[in-house]
């Protein structure tokens, strides 16, 4: 049976401890086999600490870094002096009160006013002024103090100790197995992930776990270290040998692709073009392919770029990829005397212009909505919410299918692999069943059932305040299922790119029982505004599919304000 933890009450002053215990309990319950015995024993020992000691350790773990000044640990909610809780943590080997410190660590922990008297003589002897800013003072002293030393050797024996967490790597490993990433901090978890939201219950089984082996956790940690080195400015050439080999784990392979994309970017910025080409070519990230081709162009390796681009053209592409690839092939064809691929001909985008009084309040979209509204043809400002919402309601069970690497804990807004390239492929059979509902007419019942049963539950596609009963019923009554299928299939080609760019307004014609269209979408552009690329691509798609859509260009009447 799946024991689903609850969320902590933020009115509880020790809410953060409750959340930490939730994390540790979840990991021990679902991932104990991925921990070595020493780690399991250590986490069990955490549970045996007194409440004040557990709370103080949790506070330190959730803060940045591993070093803390004992005199700055002030948490009145502990109920005992911090020194009492700290003594218990020292006894249990959770913290060390005598770490050696580098001069950089010392400068991070202490203020300029505290450090100036300590180094005044050294600075004076070296000919530096006494009033150097902190950063300049550190630069001036760094070469003279290359080695780490105990705090007493830096500041004398009268100062309060510095505390170092002894098992931060274990807490990072636990955080990774709970979140599925190390991007989210403990504070994110406390303040955001466990907010007062309703989450879709996902069945957690051993087979649905993202990590099946301890080596896979180690692989993630190795990739995370590579990314940190890149972020810290370590040259890409030095990081490249440390990038782990490819993995059979699909979601870890996706993370490796993103690492290689970033390494390639930095290698290119650093002038190491050959390494950039290697990195772009070694990964499978969709952005890497265009970057590889553009770099080959800049290096005048046109024949090589032509071969890669020609092979890639035969694959299924998103609109942005197809557009970028077509431009590259056209340029290469002219240089190589090759025949460029035929340009795709798109029907023209429909346009019309309205001249309206400028509203005293509100947006241009609302002004157009109010102008076009008729009781028999209502107009709603939905932008990216309606089509996404209908998709989310139809495919709810598929979106929350417990695919390995999709869900790590019970508090997900949506699957972690939502924007990965294999998101659809890993759920293809389930998506096929959703589209079958559009074809056999059962989609209305499925959408309405999910709408009623999951009202208020988080979903990455559904914005509940916008999907009202009125809008939903009009949409289901006026938008043909064949159109919904076209829209949803395009959305799935590239979720990251295609779930934005929809027109601002939708106008329904519920009384139109003839064969004509019963809805139309309208993109609104105020004076000086223009269409963006992703909006143009959607409008071209609508035109090509025969879906009624247009652009409304608004002009303001001179010296008239609409009250």
Protein backbone atom coordinates (compact mmCIF):
# COMPACT_ATOMS: atom_id res chain seq x y z
CA UNK A 1 0.00 0.00 0.00
CA UNK A 2 1.28 3.46 -0.93
CA UNK A 3 1.61 5.63 2.17
CA UNK A 4 1.14 9.13 0.84
CA UNK A 5 2.59 11.82 3.11
CA UNK A 6 0.73 15.00 3.88
CA UNK A 7 1.96 18.56 3.73
CA UNK A 8 3.18 20.50 6.73
CA UNK A 9 1.10 23.26 8.25
CA UNK A 10 3.06 26.48 7.74
CA UNK A 11 1.61 27.79 11.02
CA UNK A 12 3.72 25.19 12.81
CA UNK A 13 7.04 26.93 13.71
CA UNK A 14 8.82 23.63 13.05
CA UNK A 15 7.11 23.07 9.66
CA UNK A 16 10.50 22.78 7.98
CA UNK A 17 11.43 19.85 10.22
CA UNK A 18 8.15 18.12 9.40
CA UNK A 19 8.92 18.52 5.71
CA UNK A 20 12.47 17.22 6.14
CA UNK A 21 11.10 14.17 7.93
CA UNK A 22 8.65 13.69 5.05
CA UNK A 23 11.54 13.64 2.58
CA UNK A 24 13.68 11.25 4.60
CA UNK A 25 10.74 8.96 5.28
CA UNK A 26 9.81 8.89 1.60
CA UNK A 27 13.35 8.06 0.49
CA UNK A 28 13.76 5.34 3.09
CA UNK A 29 10.40 3.89 2.08
CA UNK A 30 10.90 3.98 -1.70
CA UNK A 31 14.67 4.05 -2.29
CA UNK A 32 16.28 2.26 0.65
CA UNK A 33 17.85 -0.29 -1.69
CA UNK A 34 19.77 2.55 -3.40
CA UNK A 35 21.42 3.57 -0.14
CA UNK A 36 24.36 1.78 1.40
CA UNK A 37 24.00 0.53 4.96
CA UNK A 38 26.01 3.41 6.42
CA UNK A 39 23.65 5.91 4.78
CA UNK A 40 20.53 4.11 5.99
CA UNK A 41 21.95 3.98 9.52
CA UNK A 42 22.77 7.68 9.39
CA UNK A 43 19.23 8.59 8.33
CA UNK A 44 17.79 6.37 11.05
CA UNK A 45 20.05 8.13 13.54
CA UNK A 46 18.64 11.46 12.38
CA UNK A 47 15.19 10.32 13.48
CA UNK A 48 16.58 9.47 16.93
CA UNK A 49 17.92 12.96 17.62
CA UNK A 50 15.96 15.23 19.91
CA UNK A 51 13.51 17.60 18.22
CA UNK A 52 15.71 20.69 18.81
CA UNK A 53 18.79 18.95 17.38
CA UNK A 54 16.87 17.68 14.33
CA UNK A 55 15.42 21.14 13.77
CA UNK A 56 18.79 22.91 14.04
CA UNK A 57 20.45 20.44 11.66
CA UNK A 58 17.56 20.86 9.22
CA UNK A 59 17.94 24.64 9.35
CA UNK A 60 21.62 24.35 8.46
CA UNK A 61 21.02 21.79 5.69
CA UNK A 62 18.40 24.06 4.12
CA UNK A 63 20.73 27.06 4.09
CA UNK A 64 23.42 27.74 1.48
CA UNK A 65 26.81 26.13 2.04
CA UNK A 66 28.15 23.81 4.69
CA UNK A 67 29.90 26.28 7.02
CA UNK A 68 28.11 28.41 9.63
CA UNK A 69 29.12 30.69 12.46
CA UNK A 70 27.80 29.31 15.73
CA UNK A 71 26.99 32.83 16.94
CA UNK A 72 24.73 33.36 13.91
CA UNK A 73 22.59 30.28 14.54
CA UNK A 74 19.54 31.88 16.14
CA UNK A 75 16.32 29.91 16.06
CA UNK A 76 14.05 30.64 19.03
CA UNK A 77 11.50 28.04 17.90
CA UNK A 78 13.92 25.29 19.01
CA UNK A 79 12.77 25.76 22.60
CA UNK A 80 16.30 25.31 23.96
CA UNK A 81 19.51 27.32 23.55
CA UNK A 82 21.14 26.69 20.19
CA UNK A 83 24.31 25.65 22.01
CA UNK A 84 22.46 22.72 23.62
CA UNK A 85 21.18 21.43 20.28
CA UNK A 86 24.60 22.02 18.73
CA UNK A 87 26.34 19.98 21.43
CA UNK A 88 24.08 17.01 20.64
CA UNK A 89 24.91 17.31 16.94
CA UNK A 90 28.63 17.39 17.69
CA UNK A 91 28.32 14.31 19.90
CA UNK A 92 26.48 12.47 17.12
CA UNK A 93 29.13 13.44 14.55
CA UNK A 94 26.59 15.44 12.53
CA UNK A 95 28.68 18.57 12.66
CA UNK A 96 32.29 19.54 13.28
CA UNK A 97 33.11 22.66 15.31
CA UNK A 98 36.79 22.69 14.37
CA UNK A 99 37.05 22.71 10.56
CA UNK A 100 40.04 24.14 8.78
CA UNK A 101 39.18 27.17 6.66
CA UNK A 102 40.64 28.62 3.51
CA UNK A 103 40.96 32.38 3.31
CA UNK A 104 38.04 32.45 0.83
CA UNK A 105 35.83 30.64 3.33
CA UNK A 106 36.93 32.96 6.10
CA UNK A 107 35.98 36.00 4.03
CA UNK A 108 32.56 34.53 3.26
CA UNK A 109 31.85 34.02 6.96
CA UNK A 110 33.10 37.29 8.46
CA UNK A 111 32.44 40.95 7.79
CA UNK A 112 34.92 43.54 6.59
CA UNK A 113 34.87 45.19 10.01
CA UNK A 114 35.82 41.92 11.67
CA UNK A 115 38.58 41.10 9.19
CA UNK A 116 40.32 44.47 8.83
CA UNK A 117 42.05 44.46 12.26
CA UNK A 118 43.22 40.88 11.73
CA UNK A 119 45.05 41.62 8.47
CA UNK A 120 45.94 45.30 8.98
CA UNK A 121 49.61 44.62 9.69
CA UNK A 122 49.99 42.22 6.75
CA UNK A 123 48.40 44.71 4.38
CA UNK A 124 50.50 47.59 5.70
CA UNK A 125 53.69 45.59 5.37
CA UNK A 126 52.79 44.75 1.76
CA UNK A 127 52.12 48.40 1.01
CA UNK A 128 48.34 48.13 0.70
CA UNK A 129 46.05 50.81 2.14
CA UNK A 130 44.15 49.90 5.31
CA UNK A 131 40.75 50.76 3.82
CA UNK A 132 40.67 48.29 0.94
CA UNK A 133 37.17 47.01 0.02
CA UNK A 134 36.55 43.43 1.08
CA UNK A 135 36.92 41.91 -2.39
CA UNK A 136 40.15 43.79 -3.09
CA UNK A 137 41.51 42.85 0.31
CA UNK A 138 40.88 39.18 -0.37
CA UNK A 139 42.67 39.41 -3.72
CA UNK A 140 45.61 41.13 -2.04
CA UNK A 141 45.89 38.43 0.64
CA UNK A 142 45.09 35.24 -1.26
CA UNK A 143 48.63 34.50 -2.46
CA UNK A 144 50.07 35.11 1.00
CA UNK A 145 47.71 32.60 2.63
CA UNK A 146 47.38 29.61 0.25
CA UNK A 147 46.68 26.97 2.93
CA UNK A 148 43.62 26.22 5.03
CA UNK A 149 44.03 26.56 8.79
CA UNK A 150 41.92 26.28 11.97
CA UNK A 151 39.77 29.27 12.91
CA UNK A 152 41.91 29.97 15.98
CA UNK A 153 44.95 30.44 13.74
CA UNK A 154 43.03 33.04 11.77
CA UNK A 155 41.16 34.95 14.45
CA UNK A 156 42.45 33.72 17.82
CA UNK A 157 40.85 31.53 20.46
CA UNK A 158 38.29 34.01 21.78
CA UNK A 159 35.88 33.77 18.83
CA UNK A 160 32.85 31.51 18.66
CA UNK A 161 33.41 28.35 16.64
CA UNK A 162 32.52 27.76 13.01
CA UNK A 163 30.28 24.74 12.39
CA UNK A 164 30.65 22.42 9.39
CA UNK A 165 27.98 19.90 8.35
CA UNK A 166 29.60 16.48 8.10
CA UNK A 167 27.10 14.64 5.90
CA UNK A 168 25.96 17.17 3.30
CA UNK A 169 26.62 14.74 0.46
CA UNK A 170 24.09 12.34 1.98
CA UNK A 171 21.46 15.08 2.26
CA UNK A 172 22.14 16.04 -1.38
CA UNK A 173 21.68 12.42 -2.42
CA UNK A 174 18.40 12.26 -0.50
CA UNK A 175 17.25 15.54 -2.08
CA UNK A 176 18.07 14.17 -5.53
CA UNK A 177 16.13 10.93 -5.01
CA UNK A 178 13.13 12.87 -3.72
CA UNK A 179 13.03 15.71 -6.28
CA UNK A 180 14.65 13.99 -9.23
CA UNK A 181 16.96 16.98 -9.62
CA UNK A 182 19.37 19.15 -7.64
CA UNK A 183 18.06 22.36 -9.14
CA UNK A 184 15.41 22.64 -6.45
CA UNK A 185 16.70 23.67 -3.05
CA UNK A 186 15.33 22.63 0.30
CA UNK A 187 13.76 26.06 0.68
CA UNK A 188 11.95 25.62 -2.64
CA UNK A 189 10.49 22.42 -1.27
CA UNK A 190 9.34 24.01 1.97
CA UNK A 191 7.83 27.16 0.50
CA UNK A 192 6.62 26.00 -2.92
CA UNK A 193 6.42 22.28 -3.41
CA UNK A 194 4.41 21.76 -0.24
CA UNK A 195 2.18 24.78 -0.67
CA UNK A 196 -1.55 24.55 -0.19
CA UNK A 197 -2.23 22.88 -3.53
CA UNK A 198 -4.10 19.75 -4.50
CA UNK A 199 -1.90 17.25 -6.31
CA UNK A 200 -2.92 14.40 -8.59
CA UNK A 201 -2.29 11.11 -6.78
CA UNK A 202 0.22 9.05 -8.76
CA UNK A 203 0.80 5.37 -8.05
CA UNK A 204 4.42 4.78 -7.06
CA UNK A 205 5.76 1.30 -7.75
CA UNK A 206 9.31 -0.06 -7.87
CA UNK A 207 9.05 -0.26 -11.67
CA UNK A 208 8.03 3.40 -12.00
CA UNK A 209 11.05 4.71 -10.12
CA UNK A 210 13.42 6.92 -12.07
CA UNK A 211 16.46 5.42 -10.33
CA UNK A 212 16.62 1.64 -10.43
CA UNK A 213 20.28 1.36 -9.49
CA UNK A 214 22.60 3.24 -7.15
CA UNK A 215 24.96 3.69 -10.09
CA UNK A 216 22.25 5.77 -11.79
CA UNK A 217 22.15 8.13 -8.82
CA UNK A 218 25.94 8.35 -9.00
CA UNK A 219 25.67 9.10 -12.74
CA UNK A 220 23.30 12.00 -12.10
CA UNK A 221 25.60 13.39 -9.41
CA UNK A 222 28.56 13.18 -11.80
CA UNK A 223 26.63 15.09 -14.48
CA UNK A 224 25.55 17.67 -11.90
CA UNK A 225 29.19 18.18 -10.94
CA UNK A 226 30.08 18.76 -14.60
CA UNK A 227 27.34 21.36 -14.91
CA UNK A 228 28.53 23.11 -11.75
CA UNK A 229 32.07 23.26 -13.13
CA UNK A 230 30.75 24.86 -16.31
CA UNK A 231 28.72 27.36 -14.29
CA UNK A 232 31.83 28.20 -12.26
CA UNK A 233 33.79 29.01 -15.42
CA UNK A 234 35.93 25.86 -15.70
CA UNK A 235 36.95 25.61 -19.40
CA UNK A 236 34.75 23.24 -21.40
CA UNK A 237 37.87 21.39 -22.60
CA UNK A 238 38.64 20.42 -18.97
CA UNK A 239 35.07 19.33 -18.24
CA UNK A 240 34.68 17.26 -21.42
CA UNK A 241 36.66 14.19 -20.19
CA UNK A 242 34.52 14.10 -17.04
CA UNK A 243 31.19 13.82 -18.87
CA UNK A 244 29.83 10.32 -18.11
CA UNK A 245 29.27 7.80 -20.90
CA UNK A 246 25.74 7.37 -22.31
CA UNK A 247 23.25 5.48 -20.16
CA UNK A 248 20.43 3.06 -20.95
CA UNK A 249 18.25 5.08 -18.59
CA UNK A 250 16.10 7.26 -20.88
CA UNK A 251 15.58 10.23 -18.57
CA UNK A 252 19.24 10.30 -17.54
CA UNK A 253 20.19 10.26 -21.23
CA UNK A 254 18.00 13.32 -21.68
CA UNK A 255 19.83 15.12 -18.87
CA UNK A 256 23.15 14.15 -20.46
CA UNK A 257 21.94 15.66 -23.75
CA UNK A 258 21.24 18.96 -21.97
CA UNK A 259 24.68 18.87 -20.35
CA UNK A 260 26.32 18.33 -23.75
CA UNK A 261 24.29 21.18 -25.22
CA UNK A 262 25.56 23.57 -22.54
CA UNK A 263 29.12 22.27 -22.84
CA UNK A 264 28.97 22.84 -26.60
CA UNK A 265 27.69 26.39 -26.11
CA UNK A 266 30.48 27.24 -23.72
CA UNK A 267 33.12 25.58 -25.89
CA UNK A 268 31.97 27.70 -28.83
CA UNK A 269 32.07 30.87 -26.73
CA UNK A 270 35.57 29.93 -25.61
CA UNK A 271 36.71 29.55 -29.23
CA UNK A 272 37.02 25.74 -29.10
CA UNK A 273 34.93 25.05 -32.17
CA UNK A 274 35.99 21.44 -32.69
CA UNK A 275 34.98 20.54 -29.16
CA UNK A 276 31.68 22.38 -29.64
CA UNK A 277 30.96 20.29 -32.74
CA UNK A 278 31.80 17.12 -30.83
CA UNK A 279 29.50 18.04 -27.97
CA UNK A 280 26.61 19.10 -30.22
CA UNK A 281 26.95 15.91 -32.24
CA UNK A 282 27.29 13.58 -29.26
CA UNK A 283 23.95 14.53 -27.70
CA UNK A 284 20.40 14.22 -28.91
CA UNK A 285 19.02 17.58 -27.80
CA UNK A 286 16.89 19.15 -30.54
CA UNK A 287 18.55 22.56 -30.08
CA UNK A 288 22.00 21.01 -30.59
CA UNK A 289 21.26 20.00 -34.16
CA UNK A 290 20.65 23.52 -35.42
CA UNK A 291 23.62 24.82 -33.42
CA UNK A 292 25.86 22.16 -34.98
CA UNK A 293 24.77 23.12 -38.51
CA UNK A 294 25.19 26.86 -37.93
CA UNK A 295 28.65 26.30 -36.49
CA UNK A 296 29.64 24.17 -39.49
CA UNK A 297 28.44 27.03 -41.70
CA UNK A 298 30.61 29.54 -39.85
CA UNK A 299 33.55 27.18 -40.21
CA UNK A 300 32.81 27.00 -43.97
CA UNK A 301 32.39 23.22 -43.81
CA UNK A 302 29.39 23.49 -46.10
CA UNK A 303 29.43 20.01 -47.63
CA UNK A 304 29.50 18.37 -44.21
CA UNK A 305 26.64 20.60 -43.03
CA UNK A 306 24.64 19.79 -46.19
CA UNK A 307 24.91 16.05 -45.52
CA UNK A 308 23.74 16.36 -41.93
CA UNK A 309 20.94 18.78 -42.80
CA UNK A 310 19.69 16.61 -45.68
CA UNK A 311 19.45 13.54 -43.43
CA UNK A 312 17.74 15.52 -40.69
CA UNK A 313 15.17 16.92 -43.11
CA UNK A 314 13.59 13.47 -43.47
CA UNK A 315 12.73 13.31 -39.75
CA UNK A 316 9.63 14.66 -38.04
CA UNK A 317 10.33 18.25 -37.02
CA UNK A 318 8.61 20.96 -35.06
CA UNK A 319 7.74 24.13 -36.95
CA UNK A 320 10.67 26.06 -35.49
CA UNK A 321 13.10 23.28 -36.40
CA UNK A 322 11.68 22.99 -39.91
CA UNK A 323 11.91 26.76 -40.38
CA UNK A 324 15.50 26.94 -39.13
CA UNK A 325 16.54 23.91 -41.17
CA UNK A 326 14.94 25.27 -44.34
CA UNK A 327 16.89 28.52 -44.02
CA UNK A 328 20.16 26.63 -43.54
CA UNK A 329 19.50 24.33 -46.53
CA UNK A 330 18.69 27.32 -48.72
CA UNK A 331 21.98 29.03 -47.81
CA UNK A 332 23.98 25.82 -48.26
CA UNK A 333 22.34 25.04 -51.61
CA UNK A 334 23.43 28.38 -53.03
CA UNK A 335 27.03 27.79 -51.92
CA UNK A 336 27.21 24.19 -53.13
CA UNK A 337 25.19 24.56 -56.34
CA UNK A 338 22.65 22.09 -55.00
CA UNK A 339 18.90 22.18 -55.47
CA UNK A 340 17.28 23.71 -52.40
CA UNK A 341 14.22 22.00 -50.96
CA UNK A 342 10.96 23.48 -52.25
CA UNK A 343 9.65 26.25 -50.06
CA UNK A 344 6.46 25.33 -48.25
CA UNK A 345 3.58 27.48 -49.40
CA UNK A 346 1.30 28.67 -46.63
CA UNK A 347 -2.12 30.23 -47.22
CA UNK A 348 -2.19 33.91 -46.30
CA UNK A 349 -3.08 34.86 -42.74
CA UNK A 350 -6.43 36.62 -42.51
CA UNK A 351 -6.35 40.16 -41.10
CA UNK A 352 -8.80 42.92 -40.25
CA UNK A 353 -8.58 46.33 -38.58
CA UNK A 354 -10.72 47.92 -35.88
CA UNK A 355 -10.70 51.57 -34.91
CA UNK A 356 -11.81 51.91 -31.29
CA UNK A 357 -11.90 54.53 -28.55
CA UNK A 358 -8.87 54.01 -26.32
CA UNK A 359 -10.03 52.52 -22.99
CA UNK A 360 -9.27 54.40 -19.80
CA UNK A 361 -8.49 51.07 -18.14
CA UNK A 362 -7.83 47.56 -19.34
CA UNK A 363 -5.86 45.98 -22.15
CA UNK A 364 -6.32 46.18 -25.90
CA UNK A 365 -7.45 42.53 -25.87
CA UNK A 366 -10.27 43.27 -23.44
CA UNK A 367 -11.28 46.31 -25.52
CA UNK A 368 -11.63 44.13 -28.62
CA UNK A 369 -13.42 41.41 -26.67
CA UNK A 370 -16.01 43.88 -25.41
CA UNK A 371 -16.44 45.41 -28.88
CA UNK A 372 -17.01 42.05 -30.57
CA UNK A 373 -19.20 40.51 -27.87
CA UNK A 374 -22.77 39.69 -28.81
CA UNK A 375 -25.15 37.62 -26.74
CA UNK A 376 -25.49 35.13 -29.57
CA UNK A 377 -21.75 35.16 -30.42
CA UNK A 378 -19.86 35.45 -27.09
CA UNK A 379 -16.14 36.25 -27.12
CA UNK A 380 -13.67 35.12 -24.45
CA UNK A 381 -10.10 36.13 -23.68
CA UNK A 382 -8.38 32.72 -23.42
CA UNK A 383 -4.96 33.08 -25.13
CA UNK A 384 -2.96 29.91 -24.35
CA UNK A 385 -5.37 28.48 -21.80
CA UNK A 386 -8.29 26.96 -23.73
CA UNK A 387 -6.65 24.55 -26.16
CA UNK A 388 -4.08 23.55 -23.55
CA UNK A 389 -6.85 23.09 -20.99
CA UNK A 390 -8.96 20.89 -23.27
CA UNK A 391 -5.88 18.81 -24.03
CA UNK A 392 -5.03 18.49 -20.32
CA UNK A 393 -8.56 17.38 -19.47
CA UNK A 394 -8.76 14.83 -22.30
CA UNK A 395 -5.31 13.36 -21.65
CA UNK A 396 -5.26 13.74 -17.85
CA UNK A 397 -4.61 10.08 -17.07
CA UNK A 398 -1.88 9.90 -19.71
CA UNK A 399 -0.13 13.01 -18.41
CA UNK A 400 -0.01 11.50 -14.92
CA UNK A 401 0.91 7.99 -16.01
CA UNK A 402 3.64 6.67 -13.68
CA UNK A 403 6.35 6.36 -16.34
CA UNK A 404 9.88 5.93 -14.94
CA UNK A 405 11.53 9.32 -14.49
CA UNK A 406 8.23 11.22 -14.56
CA UNK A 407 7.33 11.42 -10.87
CA UNK A 408 9.58 11.33 -7.84
CA UNK A 409 7.30 12.37 -4.98
CA UNK A 410 3.60 13.05 -4.36
CA UNK A 411 3.76 16.81 -4.90
CA UNK A 412 4.35 17.15 -8.65
CA UNK A 413 2.43 19.73 -10.68
CA UNK A 414 3.14 17.58 -13.73
CA UNK A 415 5.58 14.98 -15.05
CA UNK A 416 9.26 15.86 -14.84
CA UNK A 417 9.82 14.73 -18.44
CA UNK A 418 7.03 16.90 -19.89
CA UNK A 419 9.23 18.81 -22.33
CA UNK A 420 11.61 15.97 -23.16
CA UNK A 421 11.70 14.76 -26.75
CA UNK A 422 10.55 11.26 -25.82
CA UNK A 423 7.61 12.41 -23.68
CA UNK A 424 5.04 11.25 -26.25
CA UNK A 425 6.90 8.13 -27.43
CA UNK A 426 7.02 6.73 -23.90
CA UNK A 427 3.23 7.11 -23.65
CA UNK A 428 2.28 6.53 -27.27
CA UNK A 429 -0.31 3.78 -26.66
CA UNK A 430 -2.01 5.87 -24.00
CA UNK A 431 -2.13 8.96 -26.23
CA UNK A 432 -3.56 6.81 -29.04
CA UNK A 433 -6.45 5.88 -26.74
CA UNK A 434 -7.07 9.57 -26.02
CA UNK A 435 -7.23 10.38 -29.73
CA UNK A 436 -9.53 7.42 -30.28
CA UNK A 437 -11.99 9.19 -27.96
CA UNK A 438 -11.98 12.15 -30.34
CA UNK A 439 -12.76 9.82 -33.20
CA UNK A 440 -15.56 7.81 -31.56
CA UNK A 441 -17.27 10.79 -29.87
CA UNK A 442 -16.59 9.79 -26.25
CA UNK A 443 -14.18 12.69 -25.74
CA UNK A 444 -16.90 14.98 -24.33
CA UNK A 445 -17.75 12.58 -21.52
CA UNK A 446 -14.06 12.03 -20.77
CA UNK A 447 -13.27 15.75 -20.64
CA UNK A 448 -16.33 16.59 -18.52
CA UNK A 449 -15.66 13.69 -16.14
CA UNK A 450 -12.09 14.87 -15.52
CA UNK A 451 -13.31 18.47 -15.21
CA UNK A 452 -15.76 17.51 -12.46
CA UNK A 453 -13.58 14.97 -10.63
CA UNK A 454 -10.34 16.95 -10.63
CA UNK A 455 -11.53 20.50 -10.11
CA UNK A 456 -8.65 22.50 -8.59
CA UNK A 457 -6.04 19.73 -8.94
CA UNK A 458 -2.77 20.95 -10.41
CA UNK A 459 -2.09 20.11 -14.04
CA UNK A 460 0.57 21.76 -16.25
CA UNK A 461 -2.02 22.36 -18.99
CA UNK A 462 -5.09 23.41 -17.02
CA UNK A 463 -5.56 26.92 -15.62
CA UNK A 464 -8.69 26.40 -13.56
CA UNK A 465 -9.93 30.01 -13.19
CA UNK A 466 -10.12 30.34 -16.99
CA UNK A 467 -11.77 27.00 -17.78
CA UNK A 468 -15.26 27.88 -16.57
CA UNK A 469 -18.41 25.80 -17.13
CA UNK A 470 -19.57 28.30 -19.74
CA UNK A 471 -16.34 28.33 -21.74
CA UNK A 472 -15.95 24.56 -21.53
CA UNK A 473 -19.48 23.78 -22.71
CA UNK A 474 -19.27 26.29 -25.55
CA UNK A 475 -15.90 24.88 -26.65
CA UNK A 476 -17.16 21.29 -26.61
CA UNK A 477 -20.28 22.32 -28.49
CA UNK A 478 -18.60 24.47 -31.13
CA UNK A 479 -15.11 23.05 -31.79
CA UNK A 480 -15.28 19.87 -33.91
CA UNK A 481 -13.33 16.89 -32.58
CA UNK A 482 -11.36 16.73 -35.84
CA UNK A 483 -10.06 20.25 -35.13
CA UNK A 484 -9.19 19.31 -31.55
CA UNK A 485 -7.20 16.35 -32.84
CA UNK A 486 -5.26 18.57 -35.26
CA UNK A 487 -4.50 21.07 -32.51
CA UNK A 488 -3.48 18.42 -29.98
CA UNK A 489 -1.23 16.55 -32.40
CA UNK A 490 0.63 19.75 -33.23
CA UNK A 491 0.92 20.56 -29.52
CA UNK A 492 2.59 17.20 -28.92
CA UNK A 493 5.20 17.75 -31.65
CA UNK A 494 7.00 20.15 -29.31
CA UNK A 495 5.23 20.88 -26.04
CA UNK A 496 7.76 23.46 -24.88
CA UNK A 497 7.38 25.47 -28.08
CA UNK A 498 3.77 24.83 -29.10
CA UNK A 499 1.83 25.39 -25.89
CA UNK A 500 2.21 29.13 -26.38
CA UNK A 501 1.40 31.39 -29.31
CA UNK A 502 -2.35 30.76 -29.47
CA UNK A 503 -4.59 33.70 -30.41
CA UNK A 504 -5.88 35.91 -27.61
CA UNK A 505 -9.62 35.59 -28.20
CA UNK A 506 -12.10 32.94 -29.24
CA UNK A 507 -15.53 33.81 -30.61
CA UNK A 508 -18.21 31.15 -30.54
CA UNK A 509 -21.19 30.87 -32.90
CA UNK A 510 -23.37 28.37 -31.02
CA UNK A 511 -26.46 29.21 -33.09
CA UNK A 512 -24.78 28.38 -36.38
CA UNK A 513 -26.18 24.94 -37.11
CA UNK A 514 -25.19 25.02 -40.77
CA UNK A 515 -22.03 23.42 -42.04
CA UNK A 516 -20.03 26.60 -41.50
CA UNK A 517 -17.59 27.15 -38.66
CA UNK A 518 -19.00 27.61 -35.18
CA UNK A 519 -15.92 29.25 -33.72
CA UNK A 520 -13.02 31.50 -34.70
CA UNK A 521 -9.79 32.53 -33.02
CA UNK A 522 -8.57 36.13 -33.07
CA UNK A 523 -5.08 37.42 -32.32
CA UNK A 524 -5.16 41.05 -31.16
CA UNK A 525 -2.37 43.50 -31.94
CA UNK A 526 -2.45 47.03 -30.60
CA UNK A 527 -0.74 50.03 -32.21
CA UNK A 528 2.97 49.33 -32.69
CA UNK A 529 2.67 45.63 -31.78
CA UNK A 530 3.50 42.88 -34.25
CA UNK A 531 3.24 39.13 -34.54
CA UNK A 532 5.95 36.98 -32.98
CA UNK A 533 7.42 33.96 -34.76
CA UNK A 534 5.61 31.34 -32.65
CA UNK A 535 2.30 33.19 -33.19
CA UNK A 536 2.88 33.29 -36.94
CA UNK A 537 3.55 29.55 -36.98
CA UNK A 538 0.25 28.82 -35.24
CA UNK A 539 -1.66 31.17 -37.57
CA UNK A 540 -0.06 29.53 -40.61
CA UNK A 541 -1.05 26.15 -39.21
CA UNK A 542 -4.65 27.31 -38.77
CA UNK A 543 -4.73 28.63 -42.33
CA UNK A 544 -3.31 25.40 -43.71
CA UNK A 545 -5.79 23.27 -41.77
CA UNK A 546 -8.80 25.41 -42.60
CA UNK A 547 -9.30 26.50 -38.98
CA UNK A 548 -10.87 29.95 -38.78
CA UNK A 549 -8.35 32.40 -37.32
CA UNK A 550 -7.37 35.99 -37.99
CA UNK A 551 -5.33 38.92 -36.72
CA UNK A 552 -7.15 42.02 -35.51
CA UNK A 553 -5.04 45.19 -35.77
CA UNK A 554 -6.36 47.92 -33.49
CA UNK A 555 -6.16 51.66 -34.06
CA UNK A 556 -7.23 54.18 -31.42
CA UNK A 557 -9.63 56.94 -32.30
CA UNK A 558 -8.12 60.38 -31.74
CA UNK A 559 -8.94 62.11 -28.45
CA UNK A 560 -11.68 59.67 -27.48
CA UNK A 561 -11.57 57.55 -24.36
CA UNK A 562 -13.95 54.66 -23.83
CA UNK A 563 -15.31 54.77 -20.25
